[in-house]
Amino acid sequence: MNIKPVGERVLIKPIKEKEVTSGGIYIPESAQKEKKEGNIVAVGTYEDGKELPVKKGDHIIYGGFQSDEMEMDGEKYLFIDFKDVLAIIEE
């Protein structure tokens, strides 16, 4: 995929919640909470052209209520504002 977010935006692939509990109970999609974690796929820049302090491949926790959803090759992606990135999970 060759997409470059414009401005202070980040393109992420959200991490899906597990559909089955550790005990083997199926959780219907309507009862699942959306996990606010994802992996960065592409990163924009500050208005002055400087790089944002995140990079492709970072595992992040994000917040906020506004995002623009995009589907490509059957996968869901989100454009979020950089200010909605709460933390980078270092593994």
N, C-alpha and C. Protein backbone atom coordinates (compact mmCIF):
# COMPACT_ATOMS: atom_id res chain seq x y z
N MET A 1 0.85 -1.17 0.00
CA MET A 1 0.00 0.00 0.00
C MET A 1 0.90 1.24 0.00
N ASN A 2 0.58 2.18 -0.83
CA ASN A 2 1.38 3.40 -0.94
C ASN A 2 0.51 4.61 -0.65
N ILE A 3 0.14 4.80 0.62
CA ILE A 3 -0.68 5.94 1.04
C ILE A 3 0.11 6.76 2.02
N LYS A 4 0.13 8.08 1.83
CA LYS A 4 0.82 9.00 2.73
C LYS A 4 -0.22 9.96 3.30
N PRO A 5 -0.50 9.88 4.61
CA PRO A 5 -1.44 10.82 5.21
C PRO A 5 -0.95 12.26 5.06
N VAL A 6 -1.88 13.17 4.86
CA VAL A 6 -1.55 14.59 4.72
C VAL A 6 -1.72 15.26 6.08
N GLY A 7 -0.76 16.11 6.44
CA GLY A 7 -0.84 16.83 7.71
C GLY A 7 -0.51 15.93 8.89
N GLU A 8 -1.00 16.33 10.04
CA GLU A 8 -0.70 15.62 11.29
C GLU A 8 -1.67 14.46 11.49
N ARG A 9 -1.64 13.53 10.54
CA ARG A 9 -2.51 12.36 10.61
C ARG A 9 -1.68 11.09 10.55
N VAL A 10 -2.28 10.02 11.06
CA VAL A 10 -1.63 8.72 11.08
C VAL A 10 -2.63 7.70 10.54
N LEU A 11 -2.17 6.80 9.68
CA LEU A 11 -3.01 5.71 9.19
C LEU A 11 -2.66 4.47 10.01
N ILE A 12 -3.68 3.88 10.62
CA ILE A 12 -3.44 2.70 11.46
C ILE A 12 -4.32 1.54 11.04
N LYS A 13 -3.86 0.34 11.38
CA LYS A 13 -4.67 -0.85 11.23
C LYS A 13 -5.06 -1.27 12.64
N PRO A 14 -6.34 -1.12 13.00
CA PRO A 14 -6.77 -1.47 14.36
C PRO A 14 -6.56 -2.95 14.65
N ILE A 15 -6.31 -3.25 15.91
CA ILE A 15 -6.19 -4.64 16.35
C ILE A 15 -7.57 -5.09 16.78
N LYS A 16 -8.02 -6.21 16.23
CA LYS A 16 -9.36 -6.71 16.53
C LYS A 16 -9.38 -7.42 17.87
N GLU A 17 -10.49 -7.29 18.56
CA GLU A 17 -10.74 -7.99 19.82
C GLU A 17 -10.96 -9.46 19.51
N LYS A 18 -10.52 -10.34 20.40
CA LYS A 18 -10.74 -11.78 20.21
C LYS A 18 -12.23 -12.08 20.27
N GLU A 19 -12.67 -13.01 19.41
CA GLU A 19 -14.09 -13.36 19.35
C GLU A 19 -14.47 -14.48 20.31
N VAL A 20 -13.47 -15.14 20.89
CA VAL A 20 -13.73 -16.25 21.81
C VAL A 20 -12.93 -16.00 23.09
N THR A 21 -13.58 -16.21 24.24
CA THR A 21 -12.88 -16.05 25.52
C THR A 21 -11.93 -17.21 25.74
N SER A 22 -11.09 -17.09 26.75
CA SER A 22 -10.14 -18.18 27.05
C SER A 22 -10.88 -19.46 27.45
N GLY A 23 -12.12 -19.32 27.92
CA GLY A 23 -12.93 -20.48 28.28
C GLY A 23 -13.69 -21.08 27.11
N GLY A 24 -13.53 -20.48 25.91
CA GLY A 24 -14.17 -21.01 24.72
C GLY A 24 -15.55 -20.45 24.43
N ILE A 25 -15.96 -19.40 25.13
CA ILE A 25 -17.28 -18.81 24.91
C ILE A 25 -17.18 -17.79 23.77
N TYR A 26 -18.07 -17.90 22.79
CA TYR A 26 -18.11 -17.00 21.64
C TYR A 26 -18.73 -15.67 22.07
N ILE A 27 -18.09 -14.57 21.70
CA ILE A 27 -18.60 -13.23 21.99
C ILE A 27 -19.13 -12.63 20.69
N PRO A 28 -20.44 -12.37 20.59
CA PRO A 28 -20.97 -11.80 19.36
C PRO A 28 -20.40 -10.41 19.11
N GLU A 29 -20.31 -10.03 17.84
CA GLU A 29 -19.71 -8.75 17.46
C GLU A 29 -20.42 -7.57 18.12
N SER A 30 -21.74 -7.68 18.31
CA SER A 30 -22.50 -6.58 18.91
C SER A 30 -22.12 -6.35 20.37
N ALA A 31 -21.54 -7.35 21.03
CA ALA A 31 -21.17 -7.23 22.45
C ALA A 31 -19.70 -6.90 22.64
N GLN A 32 -18.93 -6.89 21.56
CA GLN A 32 -17.50 -6.63 21.69
C GLN A 32 -17.23 -5.13 21.75
N LYS A 33 -16.31 -4.75 22.60
CA LYS A 33 -15.86 -3.37 22.65
C LYS A 33 -14.73 -3.21 21.64
N GLU A 34 -14.69 -2.05 20.98
CA GLU A 34 -13.60 -1.83 20.04
C GLU A 34 -12.33 -1.54 20.82
N LYS A 35 -11.33 -2.33 20.56
CA LYS A 35 -10.04 -2.15 21.22
C LYS A 35 -9.37 -0.92 20.63
N LYS A 36 -8.83 -0.08 21.46
CA LYS A 36 -8.20 1.16 20.99
C LYS A 36 -6.69 0.96 20.85
N GLU A 37 -6.31 -0.13 20.19
CA GLU A 37 -4.92 -0.39 19.88
C GLU A 37 -4.80 -0.64 18.38
N GLY A 38 -3.63 -0.31 17.85
CA GLY A 38 -3.42 -0.56 16.43
C GLY A 38 -1.95 -0.45 16.07
N ASN A 39 -1.67 -0.77 14.82
CA ASN A 39 -0.31 -0.67 14.29
C ASN A 39 -0.29 0.40 13.22
N ILE A 40 0.73 1.25 13.27
CA ILE A 40 0.84 2.35 12.31
C ILE A 40 1.28 1.80 10.95
N VAL A 41 0.55 2.23 9.92
CA VAL A 41 0.82 1.81 8.55
C VAL A 41 1.52 2.94 7.79
N ALA A 42 1.13 4.19 8.06
CA ALA A 42 1.74 5.35 7.39
C ALA A 42 1.60 6.58 8.28
N VAL A 43 2.53 7.53 8.11
CA VAL A 43 2.58 8.71 8.98
C VAL A 43 2.70 9.97 8.14
N GLY A 44 1.96 11.01 8.52
CA GLY A 44 2.07 12.32 7.88
C GLY A 44 3.21 13.12 8.51
N THR A 45 3.15 14.45 8.37
CA THR A 45 4.17 15.33 8.94
C THR A 45 3.51 16.53 9.60
N TYR A 46 4.30 17.24 10.43
CA TYR A 46 3.84 18.52 10.96
C TYR A 46 3.69 19.49 9.80
N GLU A 47 2.99 20.60 10.03
CA GLU A 47 2.78 21.60 8.98
C GLU A 47 4.09 22.15 8.43
N ASP A 48 5.14 22.20 9.26
CA ASP A 48 6.43 22.73 8.80
C ASP A 48 7.29 21.66 8.12
N GLY A 49 6.74 20.45 7.94
CA GLY A 49 7.45 19.39 7.24
C GLY A 49 8.26 18.46 8.13
N LYS A 50 8.35 18.76 9.42
CA LYS A 50 9.09 17.89 10.33
C LYS A 50 8.31 16.59 10.56
N GLU A 51 9.07 15.52 10.83
CA GLU A 51 8.46 14.22 11.05
C GLU A 51 7.76 14.15 12.41
N LEU A 52 6.66 13.40 12.46
CA LEU A 52 5.98 13.15 13.72
C LEU A 52 6.80 12.13 14.51
N PRO A 53 6.69 12.13 15.85
CA PRO A 53 7.51 11.22 16.67
C PRO A 53 6.99 9.78 16.74
N VAL A 54 6.34 9.32 15.69
CA VAL A 54 5.93 7.93 15.56
C VAL A 54 6.39 7.44 14.19
N LYS A 55 6.46 6.13 14.04
CA LYS A 55 6.92 5.61 12.74
C LYS A 55 6.10 4.39 12.33
N LYS A 56 6.21 4.04 11.08
CA LYS A 56 5.52 2.88 10.54
C LYS A 56 5.93 1.64 11.35
N GLY A 57 4.93 0.85 11.72
CA GLY A 57 5.19 -0.37 12.49
C GLY A 57 5.01 -0.20 13.98
N ASP A 58 4.94 1.05 14.50
CA ASP A 58 4.74 1.26 15.93
C ASP A 58 3.38 0.69 16.36
N HIS A 59 3.35 0.05 17.52
CA HIS A 59 2.13 -0.46 18.13
C HIS A 59 1.67 0.62 19.09
N ILE A 60 0.47 1.16 18.87
CA ILE A 60 0.01 2.31 19.65
C ILE A 60 -1.32 2.06 20.34
N ILE A 61 -1.58 2.91 21.34
CA ILE A 61 -2.89 3.04 21.96
C ILE A 61 -3.39 4.40 21.53
N TYR A 62 -4.64 4.46 21.07
CA TYR A 62 -5.17 5.73 20.61
C TYR A 62 -6.51 6.01 21.27
N GLY A 63 -6.87 7.27 21.30
CA GLY A 63 -8.13 7.70 21.89
C GLY A 63 -8.92 8.49 20.87
N GLY A 64 -9.77 9.35 21.36
CA GLY A 64 -10.55 10.19 20.48
C GLY A 64 -11.77 9.48 19.94
N PHE A 65 -12.68 10.28 19.43
CA PHE A 65 -13.93 9.73 18.91
C PHE A 65 -14.04 9.89 17.41
N GLN A 66 -13.18 10.71 16.83
CA GLN A 66 -13.28 10.96 15.40
C GLN A 66 -12.15 10.26 14.65
N SER A 67 -12.52 9.50 13.66
CA SER A 67 -11.56 8.87 12.77
C SER A 67 -12.27 8.63 11.45
N ASP A 68 -11.50 8.55 10.41
CA ASP A 68 -12.06 8.27 9.08
C ASP A 68 -11.65 6.85 8.71
N GLU A 69 -12.66 6.03 8.45
CA GLU A 69 -12.43 4.63 8.16
C GLU A 69 -12.23 4.41 6.67
N MET A 70 -11.36 3.46 6.35
CA MET A 70 -11.09 3.11 4.97
C MET A 70 -10.96 1.60 4.91
N GLU A 71 -11.47 0.99 3.85
CA GLU A 71 -11.31 -0.44 3.68
C GLU A 71 -10.54 -0.70 2.40
N MET A 72 -9.53 -1.57 2.52
CA MET A 72 -8.70 -1.91 1.37
C MET A 72 -8.36 -3.40 1.46
N ASP A 73 -8.60 -4.13 0.40
CA ASP A 73 -8.34 -5.57 0.35
C ASP A 73 -9.02 -6.32 1.50
N GLY A 74 -10.22 -5.88 1.86
CA GLY A 74 -10.97 -6.54 2.92
C GLY A 74 -10.50 -6.23 4.33
N GLU A 75 -9.52 -5.33 4.48
CA GLU A 75 -9.00 -4.95 5.79
C GLU A 75 -9.46 -3.54 6.15
N LYS A 76 -9.73 -3.31 7.43
CA LYS A 76 -10.18 -2.01 7.92
C LYS A 76 -8.97 -1.19 8.37
N TYR A 77 -8.91 0.07 7.95
CA TYR A 77 -7.86 1.01 8.35
C TYR A 77 -8.53 2.28 8.85
N LEU A 78 -7.84 3.02 9.72
CA LEU A 78 -8.35 4.28 10.24
C LEU A 78 -7.33 5.39 10.05
N PHE A 79 -7.80 6.56 9.64
CA PHE A 79 -7.01 7.77 9.68
C PHE A 79 -7.36 8.47 10.98
N ILE A 80 -6.36 8.71 11.83
CA ILE A 80 -6.61 9.44 13.08
C ILE A 80 -5.67 10.64 13.15
N ASP A 81 -6.07 11.63 13.93
CA ASP A 81 -5.18 12.78 14.16
C ASP A 81 -4.06 12.35 15.08
N PHE A 82 -2.86 12.87 14.84
CA PHE A 82 -1.71 12.52 15.67
C PHE A 82 -1.98 12.82 17.14
N LYS A 83 -2.72 13.87 17.43
CA LYS A 83 -3.00 14.23 18.83
C LYS A 83 -3.80 13.16 19.56
N ASP A 84 -4.41 12.24 18.81
CA ASP A 84 -5.17 11.15 19.43
C ASP A 84 -4.32 9.92 19.76
N VAL A 85 -3.02 9.95 19.39
CA VAL A 85 -2.12 8.87 19.76
C VAL A 85 -1.75 9.09 21.23
N LEU A 86 -2.11 8.15 22.09
CA LEU A 86 -1.90 8.30 23.54
C LEU A 86 -0.56 7.72 23.98
N ALA A 87 -0.15 6.61 23.36
CA ALA A 87 1.07 5.94 23.81
C ALA A 87 1.59 5.00 22.73
N ILE A 88 2.89 4.74 22.79
CA ILE A 88 3.52 3.72 21.95
C ILE A 88 3.81 2.54 22.87
N ILE A 89 3.40 1.35 22.46
CA ILE A 89 3.66 0.15 23.25
C ILE A 89 4.98 -0.43 22.78
N GLU A 90 5.96 -0.43 23.67
CA GLU A 90 7.28 -0.98 23.33
C GLU A 90 7.31 -2.44 23.73
N GLU A 91 7.66 -3.28 22.78
CA GLU A 91 7.67 -4.72 23.04
C GLU A 91 9.07 -5.25 23.11
